[in-house]
Amino acid sequence: QVQLVESGGGLVQPGGSLRLSCAASGFTLEDYAIGWVRQAPGKEREGVSCMRSRDSSTNYADSVEGRFTISRDYAKNTVYLQMNSLKPEDTAVYYCNAKRYGSGPYWGQGTQVTVSS
């Protein structure tokens, strides 16, 4: 069964950090492009970051550039999103996804991140 399971969300104060994890099962992430998107209440889903499978090159939304880092651990078949210097506007449900030609995209169930004092 193909599955992506996110974890690591929670409540954090402005300026704080969180690391989100996205564990894959039923398939190997190594051959997939991976990404994180988020959706805040009343807003459209926004792409946050992505990593290509071929060369592991990355892209970030302007709003998170320099603060967020996407990475993957092949041995653990897991994707991460390290989020530093969090702002209230980062509050959203964060979703990971994985896709490759002819397969996917697969989506996780989402994890809530709330940045508030």
N, C-alpha and C. Protein backbone atom coordinates (compact mmCIF):
# COMPACT_ATOMS: atom_id res chain seq x y z
N GLN A 1 0.84 -1.18 0.00
CA GLN A 1 0.00 0.00 0.00
C GLN A 1 0.88 1.24 0.00
N VAL A 2 0.66 2.12 -0.98
CA VAL A 2 1.42 3.35 -1.07
C VAL A 2 0.91 4.35 -0.04
N GLN A 3 1.82 4.91 0.71
CA GLN A 3 1.41 5.82 1.76
C GLN A 3 2.50 6.83 2.07
N LEU A 4 2.08 8.06 2.35
CA LEU A 4 2.95 9.11 2.88
C LEU A 4 2.34 9.58 4.18
N VAL A 5 3.16 9.62 5.22
CA VAL A 5 2.66 10.02 6.54
C VAL A 5 3.53 11.15 7.08
N GLU A 6 2.90 12.32 7.26
CA GLU A 6 3.62 13.47 7.81
C GLU A 6 3.55 13.46 9.33
N SER A 7 4.55 14.08 9.93
CA SER A 7 4.58 14.28 11.37
C SER A 7 5.47 15.47 11.67
N GLY A 8 5.43 15.92 12.92
CA GLY A 8 6.32 16.99 13.34
C GLY A 8 5.69 18.35 13.46
N GLY A 9 4.43 18.47 13.09
CA GLY A 9 3.77 19.75 13.24
C GLY A 9 3.46 20.05 14.70
N GLY A 10 2.98 21.27 14.94
CA GLY A 10 2.64 21.64 16.30
C GLY A 10 2.54 23.14 16.44
N LEU A 11 2.52 23.57 17.70
CA LEU A 11 2.45 24.99 18.04
C LEU A 11 3.84 25.48 18.39
N VAL A 12 4.25 26.58 17.79
CA VAL A 12 5.57 27.13 18.04
C VAL A 12 5.47 28.66 18.08
N GLN A 13 6.32 29.29 18.86
CA GLN A 13 6.32 30.75 18.94
C GLN A 13 7.02 31.35 17.72
N PRO A 14 6.68 32.57 17.37
CA PRO A 14 7.39 33.24 16.28
C PRO A 14 8.90 33.23 16.52
N GLY A 15 9.65 32.96 15.47
CA GLY A 15 11.09 32.85 15.59
C GLY A 15 11.57 31.45 15.89
N GLY A 16 10.66 30.56 16.21
CA GLY A 16 11.03 29.20 16.55
C GLY A 16 11.23 28.32 15.32
N SER A 17 11.49 27.03 15.59
CA SER A 17 11.78 26.08 14.52
C SER A 17 10.96 24.81 14.70
N LEU A 18 10.71 24.16 13.59
CA LEU A 18 10.10 22.85 13.56
C LEU A 18 10.71 22.05 12.42
N ARG A 19 10.74 20.75 12.57
CA ARG A 19 11.14 19.89 11.46
C ARG A 19 10.00 18.93 11.16
N LEU A 20 9.49 19.04 9.96
CA LEU A 20 8.45 18.13 9.51
C LEU A 20 9.08 16.91 8.85
N SER A 21 8.46 15.77 9.07
CA SER A 21 8.90 14.53 8.45
C SER A 21 7.78 13.97 7.58
N CYS A 22 8.16 13.27 6.55
CA CYS A 22 7.19 12.63 5.66
C CYS A 22 7.76 11.25 5.32
N ALA A 23 7.20 10.23 5.95
CA ALA A 23 7.69 8.87 5.77
C ALA A 23 6.89 8.16 4.68
N ALA A 24 7.61 7.58 3.74
CA ALA A 24 6.98 6.87 2.63
C ALA A 24 6.99 5.37 2.87
N SER A 25 5.93 4.71 2.45
CA SER A 25 5.87 3.25 2.50
C SER A 25 5.17 2.77 1.23
N GLY A 26 5.52 1.58 0.81
CA GLY A 26 4.91 1.02 -0.38
C GLY A 26 5.61 1.41 -1.67
N PHE A 27 6.56 2.32 -1.59
CA PHE A 27 7.36 2.71 -2.74
C PHE A 27 8.65 3.37 -2.24
N THR A 28 9.61 3.52 -3.15
CA THR A 28 10.91 4.09 -2.79
C THR A 28 10.98 5.54 -3.28
N LEU A 29 11.25 6.44 -2.35
CA LEU A 29 11.29 7.86 -2.68
C LEU A 29 12.43 8.23 -3.61
N GLU A 30 13.43 7.40 -3.69
CA GLU A 30 14.65 7.76 -4.40
C GLU A 30 14.38 8.18 -5.83
N ASP A 31 13.41 7.58 -6.48
CA ASP A 31 13.15 7.87 -7.89
C ASP A 31 12.07 8.93 -8.09
N TYR A 32 11.65 9.55 -7.03
CA TYR A 32 10.52 10.47 -7.10
C TYR A 32 10.97 11.91 -6.82
N ALA A 33 10.33 12.83 -7.53
CA ALA A 33 10.41 14.23 -7.14
C ALA A 33 9.51 14.40 -5.92
N ILE A 34 9.98 15.17 -4.97
CA ILE A 34 9.24 15.34 -3.72
C ILE A 34 8.96 16.82 -3.48
N GLY A 35 7.93 17.08 -2.72
CA GLY A 35 7.62 18.47 -2.46
C GLY A 35 6.78 18.65 -1.21
N TRP A 36 6.75 19.87 -0.76
CA TRP A 36 5.90 20.28 0.35
C TRP A 36 5.02 21.43 -0.12
N VAL A 37 3.75 21.35 0.22
CA VAL A 37 2.82 22.45 -0.03
C VAL A 37 2.11 22.74 1.27
N ARG A 38 1.49 23.90 1.35
CA ARG A 38 0.75 24.25 2.56
C ARG A 38 -0.54 24.94 2.19
N GLN A 39 -1.47 24.87 3.11
CA GLN A 39 -2.75 25.54 2.91
C GLN A 39 -3.20 26.17 4.21
N ALA A 40 -3.31 27.47 4.18
CA ALA A 40 -3.80 28.21 5.34
C ALA A 40 -5.31 28.37 5.23
N PRO A 41 -5.99 28.57 6.35
CA PRO A 41 -7.45 28.74 6.33
C PRO A 41 -7.88 29.85 5.39
N GLY A 42 -8.81 29.54 4.50
CA GLY A 42 -9.34 30.55 3.59
C GLY A 42 -8.43 30.91 2.44
N LYS A 43 -7.30 30.20 2.32
CA LYS A 43 -6.36 30.51 1.25
C LYS A 43 -6.15 29.30 0.35
N GLU A 44 -5.64 29.58 -0.85
CA GLU A 44 -5.35 28.48 -1.77
C GLU A 44 -4.08 27.74 -1.34
N ARG A 45 -3.98 26.51 -1.81
CA ARG A 45 -2.79 25.72 -1.52
C ARG A 45 -1.57 26.38 -2.18
N GLU A 46 -0.47 26.43 -1.45
CA GLU A 46 0.75 27.11 -1.90
C GLU A 46 1.92 26.15 -1.91
N GLY A 47 2.66 26.12 -3.00
CA GLY A 47 3.87 25.33 -3.05
C GLY A 47 4.94 25.95 -2.17
N VAL A 48 5.57 25.15 -1.33
CA VAL A 48 6.58 25.63 -0.41
C VAL A 48 7.99 25.30 -0.90
N SER A 49 8.19 24.04 -1.24
CA SER A 49 9.52 23.61 -1.66
C SER A 49 9.41 22.31 -2.43
N CYS A 50 10.40 22.06 -3.29
CA CYS A 50 10.44 20.78 -4.00
C CYS A 50 11.88 20.38 -4.25
N MET A 51 12.06 19.09 -4.45
CA MET A 51 13.39 18.54 -4.73
C MET A 51 13.25 17.55 -5.89
N ARG A 52 14.05 17.73 -6.91
CA ARG A 52 14.00 16.84 -8.07
C ARG A 52 14.72 15.53 -7.75
N SER A 53 14.31 14.49 -8.43
CA SER A 53 14.88 13.18 -8.14
C SER A 53 16.24 13.01 -8.79
N ARG A 54 16.43 13.55 -10.00
CA ARG A 54 17.63 13.26 -10.77
C ARG A 54 18.88 13.85 -10.14
N ASP A 55 18.81 15.14 -9.74
CA ASP A 55 20.01 15.79 -9.23
C ASP A 55 19.83 16.39 -7.84
N SER A 56 18.65 16.14 -7.27
CA SER A 56 18.32 16.66 -5.93
C SER A 56 18.37 18.18 -5.87
N SER A 57 18.22 18.83 -7.00
CA SER A 57 18.14 20.29 -6.97
C SER A 57 16.84 20.71 -6.30
N THR A 58 16.86 21.88 -5.70
CA THR A 58 15.72 22.31 -4.90
C THR A 58 15.20 23.68 -5.33
N ASN A 59 13.95 23.91 -5.00
CA ASN A 59 13.33 25.21 -5.20
C ASN A 59 12.52 25.56 -3.96
N TYR A 60 12.42 26.86 -3.72
CA TYR A 60 11.66 27.33 -2.57
C TYR A 60 10.78 28.50 -2.98
N ALA A 61 9.64 28.61 -2.34
CA ALA A 61 8.82 29.79 -2.50
C ALA A 61 9.57 31.00 -1.95
N ASP A 62 9.35 32.15 -2.53
CA ASP A 62 10.03 33.36 -2.06
C ASP A 62 9.76 33.60 -0.57
N SER A 63 8.57 33.25 -0.14
CA SER A 63 8.17 33.52 1.24
C SER A 63 8.94 32.70 2.27
N VAL A 64 9.58 31.60 1.84
CA VAL A 64 10.30 30.75 2.79
C VAL A 64 11.79 30.63 2.47
N GLU A 65 12.21 31.22 1.35
CA GLU A 65 13.62 31.13 0.94
C GLU A 65 14.53 31.61 2.07
N GLY A 66 15.55 30.83 2.37
CA GLY A 66 16.50 31.18 3.41
C GLY A 66 16.08 30.76 4.80
N ARG A 67 14.84 30.34 4.96
CA ARG A 67 14.36 29.91 6.28
C ARG A 67 14.03 28.42 6.32
N PHE A 68 13.57 27.87 5.21
CA PHE A 68 13.18 26.46 5.14
C PHE A 68 14.20 25.68 4.32
N THR A 69 14.37 24.41 4.68
CA THR A 69 15.26 23.53 3.94
C THR A 69 14.61 22.17 3.74
N ILE A 70 14.55 21.73 2.50
CA ILE A 70 14.01 20.41 2.19
C ILE A 70 15.16 19.42 2.06
N SER A 71 14.95 18.21 2.53
CA SER A 71 15.99 17.19 2.42
C SER A 71 15.33 15.82 2.40
N ARG A 72 16.12 14.79 2.08
CA ARG A 72 15.59 13.45 2.13
C ARG A 72 16.65 12.49 2.64
N ASP A 73 16.21 11.45 3.29
CA ASP A 73 17.08 10.39 3.80
C ASP A 73 16.67 9.12 3.07
N TYR A 74 17.53 8.67 2.16
CA TYR A 74 17.19 7.49 1.37
C TYR A 74 17.05 6.26 2.24
N ALA A 75 17.91 6.14 3.23
CA ALA A 75 17.89 4.95 4.08
C ALA A 75 16.59 4.84 4.86
N LYS A 76 16.06 5.99 5.27
CA LYS A 76 14.82 6.00 6.04
C LYS A 76 13.60 6.19 5.15
N ASN A 77 13.84 6.40 3.86
CA ASN A 77 12.74 6.62 2.92
C ASN A 77 11.82 7.75 3.41
N THR A 78 12.46 8.82 3.83
CA THR A 78 11.75 9.92 4.49
C THR A 78 12.21 11.26 3.93
N VAL A 79 11.26 12.17 3.83
CA VAL A 79 11.52 13.54 3.41
C VAL A 79 11.36 14.45 4.61
N TYR A 80 12.14 15.51 4.66
CA TYR A 80 12.07 16.44 5.77
C TYR A 80 11.88 17.87 5.26
N LEU A 81 11.31 18.68 6.11
CA LEU A 81 11.26 20.12 5.89
C LEU A 81 11.67 20.79 7.18
N GLN A 82 12.87 21.32 7.21
CA GLN A 82 13.35 22.07 8.37
C GLN A 82 12.88 23.51 8.22
N MET A 83 12.16 23.98 9.22
CA MET A 83 11.58 25.32 9.18
C MET A 83 12.14 26.14 10.33
N ASN A 84 12.87 27.19 10.00
CA ASN A 84 13.46 28.07 11.00
C ASN A 84 12.87 29.47 10.89
N SER A 85 13.08 30.25 11.91
CA SER A 85 12.60 31.64 11.95
C SER A 85 11.13 31.72 11.53
N LEU A 86 10.34 30.89 12.15
CA LEU A 86 8.93 30.79 11.76
C LEU A 86 8.18 32.08 12.07
N LYS A 87 7.22 32.37 11.20
CA LYS A 87 6.40 33.56 11.31
C LYS A 87 4.93 33.16 11.42
N PRO A 88 4.10 34.02 11.98
CA PRO A 88 2.67 33.69 12.05
C PRO A 88 2.07 33.35 10.69
N GLU A 89 2.55 33.98 9.65
CA GLU A 89 2.02 33.70 8.31
C GLU A 89 2.42 32.34 7.77
N ASP A 90 3.28 31.62 8.48
CA ASP A 90 3.61 30.25 8.11
C ASP A 90 2.57 29.26 8.62
N THR A 91 1.64 29.74 9.42
CA THR A 91 0.60 28.87 9.96
C THR A 91 -0.24 28.27 8.82
N ALA A 92 -0.32 26.95 8.80
CA ALA A 92 -1.02 26.25 7.72
C ALA A 92 -0.97 24.75 8.00
N VAL A 93 -1.72 24.02 7.21
CA VAL A 93 -1.55 22.56 7.15
C VAL A 93 -0.53 22.28 6.06
N TYR A 94 0.48 21.51 6.41
CA TYR A 94 1.56 21.20 5.47
C TYR A 94 1.40 19.77 4.96
N TYR A 95 1.53 19.63 3.65
CA TYR A 95 1.39 18.34 2.99
C TYR A 95 2.65 18.02 2.20
N CYS A 96 3.05 16.76 2.24
CA CYS A 96 4.13 16.34 1.36
C CYS A 96 3.53 15.58 0.18
N ASN A 97 4.27 15.54 -0.91
CA ASN A 97 3.83 14.80 -2.07
C ASN A 97 5.02 14.23 -2.81
N ALA A 98 4.77 13.20 -3.58
CA ALA A 98 5.83 12.54 -4.36
C ALA A 98 5.27 12.13 -5.70
N LYS A 99 6.05 12.31 -6.75
CA LYS A 99 5.58 11.94 -8.08
C LYS A 99 6.77 11.65 -8.98
N ARG A 100 6.51 10.85 -9.99
CA ARG A 100 7.47 10.60 -11.04
C ARG A 100 6.67 10.28 -12.29
N TYR A 101 7.34 10.25 -13.41
CA TYR A 101 6.64 9.98 -14.66
C TYR A 101 5.92 8.64 -14.57
N GLY A 102 4.62 8.65 -14.76
CA GLY A 102 3.84 7.43 -14.75
C GLY A 102 3.42 6.94 -13.39
N SER A 103 3.71 7.69 -12.34
CA SER A 103 3.35 7.26 -10.99
C SER A 103 3.10 8.45 -10.09
N GLY A 104 1.98 8.39 -9.38
CA GLY A 104 1.64 9.48 -8.47
C GLY A 104 0.93 10.61 -9.18
N PRO A 105 0.76 11.77 -8.57
CA PRO A 105 1.39 12.10 -7.28
C PRO A 105 0.69 11.44 -6.10
N TYR A 106 1.46 11.15 -5.10
CA TYR A 106 0.96 10.65 -3.84
C TYR A 106 1.01 11.77 -2.82
N TRP A 107 0.02 11.79 -1.95
CA TRP A 107 -0.10 12.85 -0.95
C TRP A 107 -0.22 12.28 0.45
N GLY A 108 0.35 12.99 1.39
CA GLY A 108 0.14 12.66 2.79
C GLY A 108 -1.14 13.30 3.30
N GLN A 109 -1.45 13.04 4.56
CA GLN A 109 -2.70 13.51 5.15
C GLN A 109 -2.59 14.93 5.69
N GLY A 110 -1.37 15.43 5.81
CA GLY A 110 -1.15 16.79 6.29
C GLY A 110 -0.84 16.84 7.77
N THR A 111 -0.09 17.87 8.14
CA THR A 111 0.23 18.11 9.55
C THR A 111 0.09 19.61 9.82
N GLN A 112 -0.53 19.93 10.94
CA GLN A 112 -0.82 21.33 11.26
C GLN A 112 0.39 22.00 11.88
N VAL A 113 0.72 23.17 11.36
CA VAL A 113 1.74 24.02 11.95
C VAL A 113 1.08 25.33 12.34
N THR A 114 1.22 25.69 13.60
CA THR A 114 0.66 26.94 14.11
C THR A 114 1.77 27.76 14.75
N VAL A 115 1.95 28.97 14.25
CA VAL A 115 2.98 29.88 14.77
C VAL A 115 2.27 31.02 15.47
N SER A 116 2.39 31.04 16.79
CA SER A 116 1.66 32.03 17.56
C SER A 116 2.32 32.21 18.92
N SER A 117 2.22 33.43 19.43
CA SER A 117 2.73 33.67 20.78
C SER A 117 1.62 33.54 21.81
